Each structure stands twice: as structure tokens, then as C-alpha cells.
Amino acid sequence: MPASVPEEHKARAPRSVSFSLYIVSTSRSSGKGKEDLTGDLAEGLIRKEGHRLIRREIIPDRPSAIRNALLKATRDSDVIIFSGGTGLHPTDVTPDTVEPLLDRKIPGFGELFRWLSYEQVGSAAMASRASAGVFNGSLVFLLPGSPDGVELALTKLILPEAAHLVYLVRGDH
């Protein structure tokens, strides 16, 4: 039986892609926060899959800091992850800042993430504004700040498809 189109694309996709990881947290960026469990977890998962983490920073929940981080990361990153600021609190501004800048949205990511989250946390999953898209040739994922949410997004959605999606965004086929 012939391979499916996604299988063919995955076979041609790069084996390793570059990641930038931003933890969006005003308290942690000011030095007042606790250790960065979410960042440690994400870095470990990314590296375990053989990808390159070229940047890991904690930035404040401010639109200017988020925009600057996005612009900086697109210079050298295939995949950009923002973790934090995706809830409903008035200071959660990550989707409000990034989504208007996206060249293309990937609605399936947020839909799948909330569905998988629902299986874990029930109806509270509806409060997540996790989303994804493409900006300036890079994949961008907006994730919750919790370690459980980041682990779910990375292990079930992002890492299994990162190289394939980078291949599609590059238009190398």
C-alpha cells in the first residue's frame, strides 16, 4: 500500500528543527518568581526529541516584550513557543498580542489542545486560549504556562509534527 501524503512529507522533513522558548511571566521575569518548572520541562522534551533549543528566556506579560521576542526569534528559529499569558486574566495578553501579527493561523492546534485538555481537566479547558500560526516563516505556538499544559501540547501535538510542519511552511515540496 502506498504511503499517505503526511507520511511522505514526514519522510522528507528535516530530522531536527530549531526552537525558541519564551516563558511569559511578569513575576518570574522580575526575579520574584519561583524556579521555571515549565521551561525546564519544555527544554527537556524538546532536546529529548533531538531538536535544537537555541533560545530560552523569561519575558514579562507585556505586549512590547512579546512582540520583540517574536521578531527576534523569527531570525533563527523554525518553531517559537510562548508559554503563559493564554488564559482569561486581564494580564494574559499573549494571544491578543501575537495573533494579529500571524500570517496564517493553525486553528486545528487550539481545537485539538482544548479537546485533549478537556479529557484531563474537564470543562475548565474552555478557558484556554492556546493557539498557533505562522509568522515570517516560523511556526508559533501559544501555550498555557502550566507544566501539565505544556507537556500535553509538546508530547501529543507539537513534537510529533514539528519537523513535518516546518517542511510544509518552508514549501520545500
C-alpha atoms as a PDB file:
ATOM      1  CA  MET A   1       0.000   0.000   0.000  1.00  0.00           C
ATOM      2  CA  PRO A   2       1.421   3.439  -0.914  1.00  0.00           C
ATOM      3  CA  ALA A   3       2.399   5.830   1.875  1.00  0.00           C
ATOM      4  CA  SER A   4      -0.014   8.583   2.806  1.00  0.00           C
ATOM      5  CA  VAL A   5       0.795  12.181   1.912  1.00  0.00           C
ATOM      6  CA  PRO A   6       1.631  13.089   5.551  1.00  0.00           C
ATOM      7  CA  GLU A   7       3.947  10.048   5.743  1.00  0.00           C
ATOM      8  CA  GLU A   8       5.682  11.113   2.523  1.00  0.00           C
ATOM      9  CA  HIS A   9       6.101  14.673   3.841  1.00  0.00           C
ATOM     10  CA  LYS A  10       7.466  13.408   7.158  1.00  0.00           C
ATOM     11  CA  ALA A  11       9.990  11.254   5.319  1.00  0.00           C
ATOM     12  CA  ARG A  12      11.279  14.369   3.504  1.00  0.00           C
ATOM     13  CA  ALA A  13      11.112  16.686   6.536  1.00  0.00           C
ATOM     14  CA  PRO A  14      14.245  17.747   8.422  1.00  0.00           C
ATOM     15  CA  ARG A  15      15.215  15.462  11.293  1.00  0.00           C
ATOM     16  CA  SER A  16      15.916  18.339  13.655  1.00  0.00           C
ATOM     17  CA  VAL A  17      14.478  21.845  13.817  1.00  0.00           C
ATOM     18  CA  SER A  18      15.368  24.891  15.908  1.00  0.00           C
ATOM     19  CA  PHE A  19      13.203  26.136  18.766  1.00  0.00           C
ATOM     20  CA  SER A  20      12.920  29.351  20.745  1.00  0.00           C
ATOM     21  CA  LEU A  21      11.103  29.096  24.060  1.00  0.00           C
ATOM     22  CA  TYR A  22       9.662  32.086  25.895  1.00  0.00           C
ATOM     23  CA  ILE A  23       8.086  31.809  29.320  1.00  0.00           C
ATOM     24  CA  VAL A  24       5.669  34.729  29.639  1.00  0.00           C
ATOM     25  CA  SER A  25       5.533  35.713  33.297  1.00  0.00           C
ATOM     26  CA  THR A  26       5.856  39.141  34.827  1.00  0.00           C
ATOM     27  CA  SER A  27       6.680  37.775  38.284  1.00  0.00           C
ATOM     28  CA  ARG A  28       9.362  35.381  37.017  1.00  0.00           C
ATOM     29  CA  SER A  29      10.913  37.920  34.634  1.00  0.00           C
ATOM     30  CA  SER A  30      11.333  40.373  37.516  1.00  0.00           C
ATOM     31  CA  GLY A  31      13.200  37.777  39.563  1.00  0.00           C
ATOM     32  CA  LYS A  32      10.359  37.431  42.081  1.00  0.00           C
ATOM     33  CA  GLY A  33       9.063  34.114  40.814  1.00  0.00           C
ATOM     34  CA  LYS A  34       9.925  30.576  41.677  1.00  0.00           C
ATOM     35  CA  GLU A  35      12.029  28.262  39.604  1.00  0.00           C
ATOM     36  CA  ASP A  36      10.992  27.747  36.000  1.00  0.00           C
ATOM     37  CA  LEU A  37       9.476  24.248  36.080  1.00  0.00           C
ATOM     38  CA  THR A  38       7.611  24.779  32.823  1.00  0.00           C
ATOM     39  CA  GLY A  39      10.727  25.936  30.990  1.00  0.00           C
ATOM     40  CA  ASP A  40      12.789  23.060  32.388  1.00  0.00           C
ATOM     41  CA  LEU A  41      10.153  20.547  31.297  1.00  0.00           C
ATOM     42  CA  ALA A  42       9.791  22.044  27.804  1.00  0.00           C
ATOM     43  CA  GLU A  43      13.545  22.217  27.263  1.00  0.00           C
ATOM     44  CA  GLY A  44      13.959  18.596  28.289  1.00  0.00           C
ATOM     45  CA  LEU A  45      11.206  17.379  25.972  1.00  0.00           C
ATOM     46  CA  ILE A  46      12.492  19.397  23.001  1.00  0.00           C
ATOM     47  CA  ARG A  47      16.066  18.180  23.429  1.00  0.00           C
ATOM     48  CA  LYS A  48      14.956  14.569  24.055  1.00  0.00           C
ATOM     49  CA  GLU A  49      13.383  14.548  20.581  1.00  0.00           C
ATOM     50  CA  GLY A  50      16.686  15.663  19.045  1.00  0.00           C
ATOM     51  CA  HIS A  51      15.692  19.248  18.280  1.00  0.00           C
ATOM     52  CA  ARG A  52      17.831  22.312  18.969  1.00  0.00           C
ATOM     53  CA  LEU A  53      16.777  24.804  21.630  1.00  0.00           C
ATOM     54  CA  ILE A  54      18.613  27.940  20.622  1.00  0.00           C
ATOM     55  CA  ARG A  55      16.880  30.364  22.945  1.00  0.00           C
ATOM     56  CA  ARG A  56      15.109  30.144  26.286  1.00  0.00           C
ATOM     57  CA  GLU A  57      14.037  33.331  28.005  1.00  0.00           C
ATOM     58  CA  ILE A  58      11.571  34.527  30.611  1.00  0.00           C
ATOM     59  CA  ILE A  59       9.783  37.668  29.475  1.00  0.00           C
ATOM     60  CA  PRO A  60       7.130  39.869  31.115  1.00  0.00           C
ATOM     61  CA  ASP A  61       3.421  39.746  30.267  1.00  0.00           C
ATOM     62  CA  ARG A  62       3.677  42.935  28.206  1.00  0.00           C
ATOM     63  CA  PRO A  63       2.770  43.320  24.538  1.00  0.00           C
ATOM     64  CA  SER A  64       6.045  45.098  23.690  1.00  0.00           C
ATOM     65  CA  ALA A  65       8.151  42.331  25.267  1.00  0.00           C
ATOM     66  CA  ILE A  66       6.139  39.620  23.493  1.00  0.00           C
ATOM     67  CA  ARG A  67       6.348  41.383  20.096  1.00  0.00           C
ATOM     68  CA  ASN A  68      10.099  41.972  20.477  1.00  0.00           C
ATOM     69  CA  ALA A  69      10.654  38.320  21.398  1.00  0.00           C
ATOM     70  CA  LEU A  70       8.650  37.164  18.376  1.00  0.00           C
ATOM     71  CA  LEU A  71      10.617  39.379  15.991  1.00  0.00           C
ATOM     72  CA  LYS A  72      13.948  38.287  17.486  1.00  0.00           C
ATOM     73  CA  ALA A  73      13.101  34.583  17.282  1.00  0.00           C
ATOM     74  CA  THR A  74      11.991  34.620  13.646  1.00  0.00           C
ATOM     75  CA  ARG A  75      15.555  35.441  12.633  1.00  0.00           C
ATOM     76  CA  ASP A  76      16.826  31.986  13.568  1.00  0.00           C
ATOM     77  CA  SER A  77      14.033  29.710  14.818  1.00  0.00           C
ATOM     78  CA  ASP A  78      11.837  27.261  12.968  1.00  0.00           C
ATOM     79  CA  VAL A  79       9.463  26.926  15.939  1.00  0.00           C
ATOM     80  CA  ILE A  80       8.665  29.597  18.524  1.00  0.00           C
ATOM     81  CA  ILE A  81       6.839  28.721  21.721  1.00  0.00           C
ATOM     82  CA  PHE A  82       5.295  31.222  24.104  1.00  0.00           C
ATOM     83  CA  SER A  83       4.182  29.601  27.363  1.00  0.00           C
ATOM     84  CA  GLY A  84       1.967  31.703  29.585  1.00  0.00           C
ATOM     85  CA  GLY A  85      -0.482  34.533  29.223  1.00  0.00           C
ATOM     86  CA  THR A  86      -3.111  32.496  27.351  1.00  0.00           C
ATOM     87  CA  GLY A  87      -5.838  32.461  29.994  1.00  0.00           C
ATOM     88  CA  LEU A  88      -8.629  34.905  30.740  1.00  0.00           C
ATOM     89  CA  HIS A  89      -6.960  37.086  33.380  1.00  0.00           C
ATOM     90  CA  PRO A  90      -6.705  40.751  32.325  1.00  0.00           C
ATOM     91  CA  THR A  91      -2.887  40.462  32.242  1.00  0.00           C
ATOM     92  CA  ASP A  92      -2.991  37.431  29.905  1.00  0.00           C
ATOM     93  CA  VAL A  93      -2.129  39.207  26.658  1.00  0.00           C
ATOM     94  CA  THR A  94      -0.115  36.674  24.663  1.00  0.00           C
ATOM     95  CA  PRO A  95      -2.839  35.722  22.109  1.00  0.00           C
ATOM     96  CA  ASP A  96      -4.041  39.337  21.869  1.00  0.00           C
ATOM     97  CA  THR A  97      -0.504  40.419  21.009  1.00  0.00           C
ATOM     98  CA  VAL A  98       0.621  37.608  18.698  1.00  0.00           C
ATOM     99  CA  GLU A  99      -2.477  36.505  16.788  1.00  0.00           C
ATOM    100  CA  PRO A 100      -2.983  39.801  14.868  1.00  0.00           C
ATOM    101  CA  LEU A 101       0.608  39.501  13.606  1.00  0.00           C
ATOM    102  CA  LEU A 102       0.294  35.963  12.244  1.00  0.00           C
ATOM    103  CA  ASP A 103       0.494  35.444   8.500  1.00  0.00           C
ATOM    104  CA  ARG A 104      -1.595  32.274   8.840  1.00  0.00           C
ATOM    105  CA  LYS A 105      -3.439  30.673  11.706  1.00  0.00           C
ATOM    106  CA  ILE A 106      -3.475  26.960  12.505  1.00  0.00           C
ATOM    107  CA  PRO A 107      -6.940  26.615  14.082  1.00  0.00           C
ATOM    108  CA  GLY A 108      -6.660  22.848  14.441  1.00  0.00           C
ATOM    109  CA  PHE A 109      -3.969  23.219  17.083  1.00  0.00           C
ATOM    110  CA  GLY A 110      -6.133  25.132  19.556  1.00  0.00           C
ATOM    111  CA  GLU A 111      -9.102  22.892  18.874  1.00  0.00           C
ATOM    112  CA  LEU A 112      -7.103  19.711  19.461  1.00  0.00           C
ATOM    113  CA  PHE A 113      -5.346  21.142  22.505  1.00  0.00           C
ATOM    114  CA  ARG A 114      -8.633  22.067  24.204  1.00  0.00           C
ATOM    115  CA  TRP A 115     -10.123  18.668  23.334  1.00  0.00           C
ATOM    116  CA  LEU A 116      -7.137  16.845  24.841  1.00  0.00           C
ATOM    117  CA  SER A 117      -7.183  19.220  27.837  1.00  0.00           C
ATOM    118  CA  TYR A 118     -10.872  18.501  28.368  1.00  0.00           C
ATOM    119  CA  GLU A 119     -10.008  14.831  28.788  1.00  0.00           C
ATOM    120  CA  GLN A 120      -7.602  15.827  31.592  1.00  0.00           C
ATOM    121  CA  VAL A 121      -9.203  18.811  33.352  1.00  0.00           C
ATOM    122  CA  GLY A 122     -12.826  18.776  32.247  1.00  0.00           C
ATOM    123  CA  SER A 123     -14.765  21.894  31.376  1.00  0.00           C
ATOM    124  CA  ALA A 124     -12.002  24.216  32.658  1.00  0.00           C
ATOM    125  CA  ALA A 125     -10.310  23.539  29.290  1.00  0.00           C
ATOM    126  CA  MET A 126     -12.623  26.112  27.682  1.00  0.00           C
ATOM    127  CA  ALA A 127     -10.694  28.908  29.443  1.00  0.00           C
ATOM    128  CA  SER A 128      -7.558  28.186  27.411  1.00  0.00           C
ATOM    129  CA  ARG A 129      -6.755  30.463  24.509  1.00  0.00           C
ATOM    130  CA  ALA A 130      -3.917  28.256  23.271  1.00  0.00           C
ATOM    131  CA  SER A 131      -3.379  28.781  19.563  1.00  0.00           C
ATOM    132  CA  ALA A 132      -0.853  28.520  16.758  1.00  0.00           C
ATOM    133  CA  GLY A 133       0.088  30.000  13.442  1.00  0.00           C
ATOM    134  CA  VAL A 134       2.863  31.031  11.099  1.00  0.00           C
ATOM    135  CA  PHE A 135       4.747  34.299  11.315  1.00  0.00           C
ATOM    136  CA  ASN A 136       7.527  35.291   8.936  1.00  0.00           C
ATOM    137  CA  GLY A 137       8.280  31.663   8.037  1.00  0.00           C
ATOM    138  CA  SER A 138       8.313  30.346  11.619  1.00  0.00           C
ATOM    139  CA  LEU A 139       5.741  28.217  13.422  1.00  0.00           C
ATOM    140  CA  VAL A 140       4.386  29.950  16.525  1.00  0.00           C
ATOM    141  CA  PHE A 141       2.630  28.165  19.390  1.00  0.00           C
ATOM    142  CA  LEU A 142       0.888  29.946  22.261  1.00  0.00           C
ATOM    143  CA  LEU A 143       0.609  27.603  25.235  1.00  0.00           C
ATOM    144  CA  PRO A 144      -0.601  27.849  28.808  1.00  0.00           C
ATOM    145  CA  GLY A 145       2.016  28.422  31.483  1.00  0.00           C
ATOM    146  CA  SER A 146       1.317  25.257  33.443  1.00  0.00           C
ATOM    147  CA  PRO A 147       3.744  22.335  33.215  1.00  0.00           C
ATOM    148  CA  ASP A 148       0.840  19.930  32.561  1.00  0.00           C
ATOM    149  CA  GLY A 149      -0.475  22.033  29.681  1.00  0.00           C
ATOM    150  CA  VAL A 150       2.959  22.418  28.115  1.00  0.00           C
ATOM    151  CA  GLU A 151       3.694  18.715  28.444  1.00  0.00           C
ATOM    152  CA  LEU A 152       0.374  17.862  26.801  1.00  0.00           C
ATOM    153  CA  ALA A 153       0.926  20.294  23.918  1.00  0.00           C
ATOM    154  CA  LEU A 154       4.500  19.218  23.292  1.00  0.00           C
ATOM    155  CA  THR A 155       4.117  15.447  23.604  1.00  0.00           C
ATOM    156  CA  LYS A 156       0.766  15.000  21.886  1.00  0.00           C
ATOM    157  CA  LEU A 157       0.783  17.748  19.248  1.00  0.00           C
ATOM    158  CA  ILE A 158       3.888  19.851  18.659  1.00  0.00           C
ATOM    159  CA  LEU A 159       6.841  17.467  18.836  1.00  0.00           C
ATOM    160  CA  PRO A 160       5.245  14.672  16.760  1.00  0.00           C
ATOM    161  CA  GLU A 161       4.571  17.166  13.943  1.00  0.00           C
ATOM    162  CA  ALA A 162       7.183  19.945  14.300  1.00  0.00           C
ATOM    163  CA  ALA A 163       9.533  18.823  11.525  1.00  0.00           C
ATOM    164  CA  HIS A 164       6.614  17.962   9.227  1.00  0.00           C
ATOM    165  CA  LEU A 165       5.002  21.379   9.772  1.00  0.00           C
ATOM    166  CA  VAL A 166       8.332  23.169   9.248  1.00  0.00           C
ATOM    167  CA  TYR A 167       8.687  21.271   5.965  1.00  0.00           C
ATOM    168  CA  LEU A 168       5.207  22.439   4.900  1.00  0.00           C
ATOM    169  CA  VAL A 169       5.803  26.061   5.941  1.00  0.00           C
ATOM    170  CA  ARG A 170       9.070  26.172   4.008  1.00  0.00           C
ATOM    171  CA  GLY A 171       7.284  24.943   0.886  1.00  0.00           C
ATOM    172  CA  ASP A 172      10.169  22.612   0.082  1.00  0.00           C
ATOM    173  CA  HIS A 173       7.920  20.058  -1.611  1.00  0.00           C
END
